[in-house]
Each structure stands twice: as structure tokens, then as C-alpha cells.
N, C-alpha and C. Protein backbone atom coordinates (compact mmCIF):
# COMPACT_ATOMS: atom_id res chain seq x y z
N MET A 1 29.63 11.20 12.69
CA MET A 1 30.64 11.14 11.72
C MET A 1 31.15 12.70 11.57
N GLU A 2 31.90 13.10 12.21
CA GLU A 2 32.10 14.21 11.87
C GLU A 2 32.52 15.58 10.75
N ASN A 3 32.80 15.06 9.99
CA ASN A 3 33.01 15.46 8.26
C ASN A 3 31.57 15.44 7.90
N CYS A 4 30.99 14.21 8.18
CA CYS A 4 29.98 13.80 7.09
C CYS A 4 28.73 15.31 6.67
N LEU A 5 28.83 15.09 5.54
CA LEU A 5 27.52 16.43 5.10
C LEU A 5 26.29 16.37 5.57
N PHE A 6 25.41 15.19 6.12
CA PHE A 6 24.41 15.18 6.04
C PHE A 6 24.48 14.89 7.45
N CYS A 7 25.62 14.20 8.54
CA CYS A 7 25.00 14.50 9.35
C CYS A 7 25.69 15.51 10.15
N LYS A 8 26.07 16.68 9.31
CA LYS A 8 26.39 18.64 9.39
C LYS A 8 24.58 18.65 9.52
N ILE A 9 24.08 18.33 8.27
CA ILE A 9 22.62 18.28 8.12
C ILE A 9 21.54 18.23 9.17
N ILE A 10 21.74 16.71 9.78
CA ILE A 10 20.79 17.02 10.83
C ILE A 10 21.17 17.37 12.21
N ALA A 11 22.69 17.54 12.57
CA ALA A 11 22.34 18.36 13.49
C ALA A 11 22.24 20.10 13.61
N GLY A 12 21.86 20.16 12.53
CA GLY A 12 21.46 21.75 12.08
C GLY A 12 22.17 23.20 11.52
N ASP A 13 23.97 21.94 11.52
CA ASP A 13 25.17 23.10 10.94
C ASP A 13 25.01 23.38 9.82
N ILE A 14 24.64 22.99 9.03
CA ILE A 14 24.28 23.23 7.71
C ILE A 14 22.92 23.17 7.82
N PRO A 15 21.98 24.22 6.77
CA PRO A 15 21.09 24.41 6.72
C PRO A 15 20.21 23.80 5.70
N SER A 16 18.87 23.68 5.89
CA SER A 16 18.73 22.59 4.86
C SER A 16 16.79 22.85 4.79
N ALA A 17 16.10 22.12 3.35
CA ALA A 17 14.99 22.65 3.65
C ALA A 17 14.18 21.29 4.80
N LYS A 18 14.12 21.01 5.30
CA LYS A 18 13.53 20.09 6.43
C LYS A 18 11.81 19.87 5.94
N VAL A 19 11.88 18.13 5.31
CA VAL A 19 10.66 17.97 4.92
C VAL A 19 9.73 17.21 6.04
N TYR A 20 10.45 16.45 6.87
CA TYR A 20 10.14 15.40 8.00
C TYR A 20 11.18 15.10 8.94
N GLU A 21 10.90 14.43 10.03
CA GLU A 21 11.52 14.48 11.32
C GLU A 21 11.24 13.66 11.95
N ASP A 22 11.53 12.06 12.51
CA ASP A 22 10.88 11.43 13.03
C ASP A 22 12.27 11.45 14.06
N GLU A 23 11.84 10.53 15.37
CA GLU A 23 13.24 9.91 15.81
C GLU A 23 14.89 9.33 15.26
N ASN A 24 14.16 8.35 14.50
CA ASN A 24 15.52 8.09 13.83
C ASN A 24 15.71 8.49 12.85
N THR A 25 15.31 9.28 11.98
CA THR A 25 15.19 10.33 10.50
C THR A 25 15.03 11.35 10.77
N PHE A 26 15.98 11.93 9.50
CA PHE A 26 15.63 12.90 8.79
C PHE A 26 15.16 13.19 7.62
N ALA A 27 14.24 14.34 6.87
CA ALA A 27 14.00 13.74 5.15
C ALA A 27 14.03 15.89 4.87
N PHE A 28 14.83 16.05 3.84
CA PHE A 28 14.91 17.32 3.71
C PHE A 28 14.77 17.03 1.96
N ARG A 29 14.93 18.59 1.60
CA ARG A 29 15.05 18.89 -0.13
C ARG A 29 16.66 18.55 -0.48
N ASP A 30 16.17 17.89 -1.82
CA ASP A 30 17.53 17.31 -2.12
C ASP A 30 17.88 19.34 -2.94
N ILE A 31 19.50 19.52 -3.22
CA ILE A 31 19.72 20.54 -3.41
C ILE A 31 19.97 20.64 -4.86
N ALA A 32 19.84 19.07 -5.76
CA ALA A 32 19.80 19.36 -7.30
C ALA A 32 18.59 18.78 -7.68
N PRO A 33 17.29 18.98 -7.54
CA PRO A 33 16.21 18.18 -7.71
C PRO A 33 15.99 17.54 -9.79
N GLN A 34 15.90 15.90 -9.31
CA GLN A 34 16.22 15.34 -10.56
C GLN A 34 14.48 15.38 -10.97
N ALA A 35 13.64 15.78 -9.95
CA ALA A 35 12.37 15.51 -10.63
C ALA A 35 11.70 16.54 -9.64
N PRO A 36 10.12 16.64 -10.08
CA PRO A 36 9.68 18.25 -9.16
C PRO A 36 9.71 17.80 -8.08
N THR A 37 8.87 16.58 -7.49
CA THR A 37 9.85 16.39 -5.52
C THR A 37 10.74 15.36 -5.71
N HIS A 38 11.97 16.14 -4.97
CA HIS A 38 12.96 15.12 -4.63
C HIS A 38 13.68 15.38 -3.17
N VAL A 39 13.28 14.51 -2.79
CA VAL A 39 13.33 14.55 -1.08
C VAL A 39 14.75 13.11 -0.56
N LEU A 40 15.45 13.74 0.21
CA LEU A 40 15.95 12.54 0.66
C LEU A 40 16.20 12.34 2.09
N VAL A 41 15.95 11.04 2.24
CA VAL A 41 15.68 10.28 3.58
C VAL A 41 16.61 9.65 4.06
N VAL A 42 17.38 10.29 5.65
CA VAL A 42 18.64 9.39 6.12
C VAL A 42 18.27 9.23 7.50
N PRO A 43 18.52 8.09 8.24
CA PRO A 43 18.97 7.73 9.03
C PRO A 43 19.64 8.79 9.90
N LYS A 44 19.03 9.17 10.94
CA LYS A 44 19.96 10.18 12.30
C LYS A 44 21.36 9.58 12.64
N LYS A 45 21.48 8.38 13.02
CA LYS A 45 22.94 7.11 13.06
C LYS A 45 23.16 7.50 11.64
N HIS A 46 25.12 7.56 11.79
CA HIS A 46 25.67 7.52 10.37
C HIS A 46 25.78 6.01 10.22
N VAL A 47 25.81 5.89 8.92
CA VAL A 47 26.27 4.64 8.28
C VAL A 47 25.97 4.58 7.42
N SER A 48 27.30 4.04 6.29
CA SER A 48 27.43 4.66 4.95
C SER A 48 26.83 4.47 4.03
N SER A 49 25.93 3.33 3.67
CA SER A 49 24.94 2.98 2.49
C SER A 49 24.46 2.01 2.84
N VAL A 50 23.86 1.01 1.77
CA VAL A 50 22.77 0.21 2.15
C VAL A 50 24.10 -0.68 2.08
N ALA A 51 24.97 -0.61 1.70
CA ALA A 51 26.62 -2.00 2.16
C ALA A 51 26.83 -2.47 3.17
N ALA A 52 26.37 -1.07 3.80
CA ALA A 52 26.82 -1.13 5.34
C ALA A 52 25.66 -1.10 6.04
N CYS A 53 24.06 -1.26 5.96
CA CYS A 53 23.10 -1.65 6.94
C CYS A 53 23.18 -2.22 8.33
N ASP A 54 23.80 -3.54 7.83
CA ASP A 54 24.01 -4.17 8.95
C ASP A 54 23.92 -3.28 10.61
N GLU A 55 25.15 -2.44 9.99
CA GLU A 55 25.46 -1.51 11.45
C GLU A 55 24.13 -0.78 12.02
N LEU A 56 22.95 -0.97 11.57
CA LEU A 56 21.69 -0.24 11.43
C LEU A 56 20.92 -1.44 12.22
N ASP A 57 19.77 -0.85 13.56
CA ASP A 57 19.47 -1.85 13.86
C ASP A 57 18.39 -1.89 13.41
N ASP A 58 16.86 -2.84 12.85
CA ASP A 58 16.19 -3.20 12.25
C ASP A 58 14.65 -2.02 12.47
N GLN A 59 14.42 -1.64 13.72
CA GLN A 59 14.21 -0.29 13.76
C GLN A 59 14.00 0.55 13.16
N THR A 60 16.05 0.81 12.80
CA THR A 60 15.98 2.39 11.88
C THR A 60 15.80 1.71 11.01
N LEU A 61 16.40 1.24 9.91
CA LEU A 61 16.39 0.14 8.88
C LEU A 61 14.50 0.71 8.07
N ALA A 62 14.29 -0.12 9.18
CA ALA A 62 12.36 0.17 8.53
C ALA A 62 11.86 1.60 8.72
N ALA A 63 11.89 2.05 10.05
CA ALA A 63 11.59 3.57 10.12
C ALA A 63 12.55 4.61 8.72
N CYS A 64 13.48 4.15 7.80
CA CYS A 64 13.95 4.82 6.52
C CYS A 64 12.85 4.45 5.52
N LEU A 65 12.42 3.57 5.55
CA LEU A 65 11.34 3.09 4.29
C LEU A 65 9.97 3.64 5.05
N LYS A 66 9.83 4.19 5.71
CA LYS A 66 8.21 4.39 6.50
C LYS A 66 8.80 5.87 6.23
N ALA A 67 9.75 6.52 6.39
CA ALA A 67 10.01 7.66 6.36
C ALA A 67 9.77 8.12 4.88
N CYS A 68 10.12 7.03 3.95
CA CYS A 68 10.10 7.70 2.58
C CYS A 68 7.99 7.72 2.55
N LYS A 69 7.43 7.17 2.75
CA LYS A 69 5.55 6.81 2.74
C LYS A 69 5.67 7.89 3.10
N LYS A 70 5.81 8.55 4.68
CA LYS A 70 5.68 9.84 4.73
C LYS A 70 5.91 11.00 4.47
N VAL A 71 6.81 10.96 3.53
CA VAL A 71 7.51 11.98 2.60
C VAL A 71 6.54 12.12 1.43
N SER A 72 5.89 10.60 0.76
CA SER A 72 5.28 10.49 -0.31
C SER A 72 3.78 11.43 -0.28
N GLU A 73 3.49 10.69 1.16
CA GLU A 73 2.27 11.43 2.00
C GLU A 73 1.97 13.03 1.96
N LEU A 74 3.04 13.46 2.33
CA LEU A 74 3.34 14.89 2.50
C LEU A 74 3.50 15.65 1.65
N GLU A 75 4.05 14.94 0.42
CA GLU A 75 4.37 15.13 -1.17
C GLU A 75 3.18 15.88 -1.41
N GLY A 76 2.20 14.82 -1.60
CA GLY A 76 1.04 14.37 -1.89
C GLY A 76 1.42 13.60 -3.82
N LEU A 77 1.99 12.29 -3.53
CA LEU A 77 2.50 12.01 -4.80
C LEU A 77 1.58 10.83 -4.57
N THR A 78 0.49 11.10 -5.09
CA THR A 78 -0.37 10.15 -4.88
C THR A 78 -0.53 9.44 -5.83
N ASN A 79 -0.44 9.56 -7.06
CA ASN A 79 -0.22 8.59 -8.32
C ASN A 79 0.90 7.83 -8.16
N GLY A 80 2.37 7.73 -7.08
CA GLY A 80 3.21 7.16 -7.55
C GLY A 80 3.98 7.78 -7.57
N PHE A 81 5.23 7.41 -7.09
CA PHE A 81 6.53 7.40 -7.17
C PHE A 81 7.84 6.18 -6.77
N ARG A 82 9.05 7.04 -6.56
CA ARG A 82 10.38 6.32 -6.82
C ARG A 82 11.24 6.21 -5.34
N VAL A 83 11.60 5.31 -5.32
CA VAL A 83 12.39 5.68 -3.91
C VAL A 83 14.12 4.72 -4.61
N VAL A 84 15.00 5.57 -4.46
CA VAL A 84 16.12 5.10 -5.01
C VAL A 84 17.29 5.31 -3.40
N SER A 85 18.34 3.96 -3.84
CA SER A 85 19.53 4.49 -2.61
C SER A 85 20.75 3.80 -4.13
N ASN A 86 21.24 5.17 -4.33
CA ASN A 86 22.50 4.69 -4.26
C ASN A 86 23.55 4.23 -3.57
N CYS A 87 24.57 3.10 -3.90
CA CYS A 87 25.66 2.29 -3.16
C CYS A 87 26.90 2.44 -3.84
N GLY A 88 27.98 3.25 -3.37
CA GLY A 88 29.63 2.99 -3.47
C GLY A 88 29.40 3.46 -5.13
N GLU A 89 30.95 3.91 -5.24
CA GLU A 89 31.21 4.52 -6.31
C GLU A 89 30.43 3.79 -7.73
N ASP A 90 30.45 2.82 -8.15
CA ASP A 90 29.89 2.64 -9.17
C ASP A 90 28.25 2.94 -9.40
N GLY A 91 27.57 2.64 -7.99
CA GLY A 91 25.81 3.25 -8.18
C GLY A 91 26.10 4.53 -7.75
N CYS A 92 27.25 5.44 -8.18
CA CYS A 92 27.16 6.92 -8.17
C CYS A 92 26.62 7.42 -6.51
N GLN A 93 27.02 7.23 -5.71
CA GLN A 93 26.95 7.79 -4.35
C GLN A 93 27.52 8.98 -4.23
N SER A 94 27.21 9.52 -3.89
CA SER A 94 27.68 11.10 -3.93
C SER A 94 28.29 11.65 -2.46
N VAL A 95 27.45 10.69 -1.03
CA VAL A 95 27.36 11.05 -0.07
C VAL A 95 27.51 10.09 0.70
N PRO A 96 28.95 9.90 1.32
CA PRO A 96 28.83 8.18 1.98
C PRO A 96 27.85 8.39 3.26
N HIS A 97 26.61 8.30 3.01
CA HIS A 97 25.76 7.82 4.70
C HIS A 97 24.64 8.27 3.59
N LEU A 98 24.59 6.73 4.40
CA LEU A 98 23.01 6.35 3.79
C LEU A 98 21.55 7.05 3.74
N HIS A 99 21.27 6.82 2.57
CA HIS A 99 20.15 7.74 1.95
C HIS A 99 19.26 7.52 0.92
N PHE A 100 17.76 7.57 1.16
CA PHE A 100 17.41 7.09 0.19
C PHE A 100 16.02 8.74 -0.92
N HIS A 101 16.30 8.25 -1.67
CA HIS A 101 15.59 9.51 -2.77
C HIS A 101 14.87 9.14 -2.86
N VAL A 102 13.70 9.76 -2.64
CA VAL A 102 11.96 9.95 -2.94
C VAL A 102 11.38 10.89 -4.22
N LEU A 103 11.25 10.45 -5.51
CA LEU A 103 11.34 11.38 -6.58
C LEU A 103 10.20 10.66 -6.40
N GLY A 104 9.00 11.96 -7.27
CA GLY A 104 7.94 11.99 -8.09
C GLY A 104 7.34 13.26 -8.42
N GLY A 105 6.03 13.48 -8.31
CA GLY A 105 5.64 14.43 -8.94
C GLY A 105 5.47 14.37 -10.59
N ARG A 106 5.96 13.56 -11.24
CA ARG A 106 5.64 13.41 -12.73
C ARG A 106 5.65 12.28 -12.99
N LYS A 107 5.01 11.58 -14.07
CA LYS A 107 5.34 10.55 -15.05
C LYS A 107 6.82 10.28 -15.27
N LEU A 108 7.88 8.94 -14.17
CA LEU A 108 9.29 9.37 -14.09
C LEU A 108 9.38 8.26 -15.61
N THR A 109 10.44 8.03 -15.99
CA THR A 109 11.47 7.43 -17.11
C THR A 109 11.21 5.78 -16.72
N ASP A 110 10.71 5.23 -17.69
CA ASP A 110 11.28 3.85 -17.37
C ASP A 110 12.65 3.16 -17.30
N SER A 111 13.30 3.61 -17.66
CA SER A 111 15.12 3.41 -17.49
C SER A 111 15.36 3.91 -15.99
N MET A 112 16.24 3.00 -15.49
CA MET A 112 16.62 2.73 -14.28
C MET A 112 18.18 2.77 -14.15
N ALA A 113 18.57 2.81 -15.34
CA ALA A 113 20.25 2.92 -15.73
C ALA A 113 20.87 4.66 -16.00
């Protein structure tokens, strides 16, 4: 998608702090981290959100979760981490490209709201 921020990051048109990449996914540091470790994992194929994940093949969708695990290993999150995907306006999704936040590096709060 030509105007998508994350598609531009994946293409290298916008710089990012890459953490991990494979044939299906790209992971980079969030520019406004909410935890000591805050990495975004995105599929290279554009799809707007979890609500549209039927547009991805099962291999790509599974690759996103496996990339979250790989990021946790690379970042040394041995005591745990959180994976979050915001969906739509009420879910506070700020970029309309499916992405998973990998958060860790400290004890996170119990609150999810």
C-alpha cells in the first residue's frame, strides 16, 4: 500500500531501528516506547489489522507470532513479555497495518485497559 507508514518502513523508504527480519515479517523498535523493550512486528504483506487477518495466508500469520518469540529471545526477555495488537479506532490502532507490540524489560502492570 503506497501511503502506509509501515509499508514504507519495510521498503526502506523510511528509516527504522530494525531488530529482526525474515521472508514474511519485519520487526523494528517503536519510536514512542511504552516499556524498556518495545518492538513492533509486522507482516511484509499489507493487511490493515487483526480484523482483516483472513487476507493473510496461515504461514504468514504464524510467522508473525514466531517473529514475536524471536524478538523476545534477541532482546533477552527471559522473564516474560507481552504481545499486543490494537485493532480499529476503539482499540486505539494508530497505523492501519497489522502489527504486534512486543513489550518487556520490566514487570508490566496487571491492567490491560
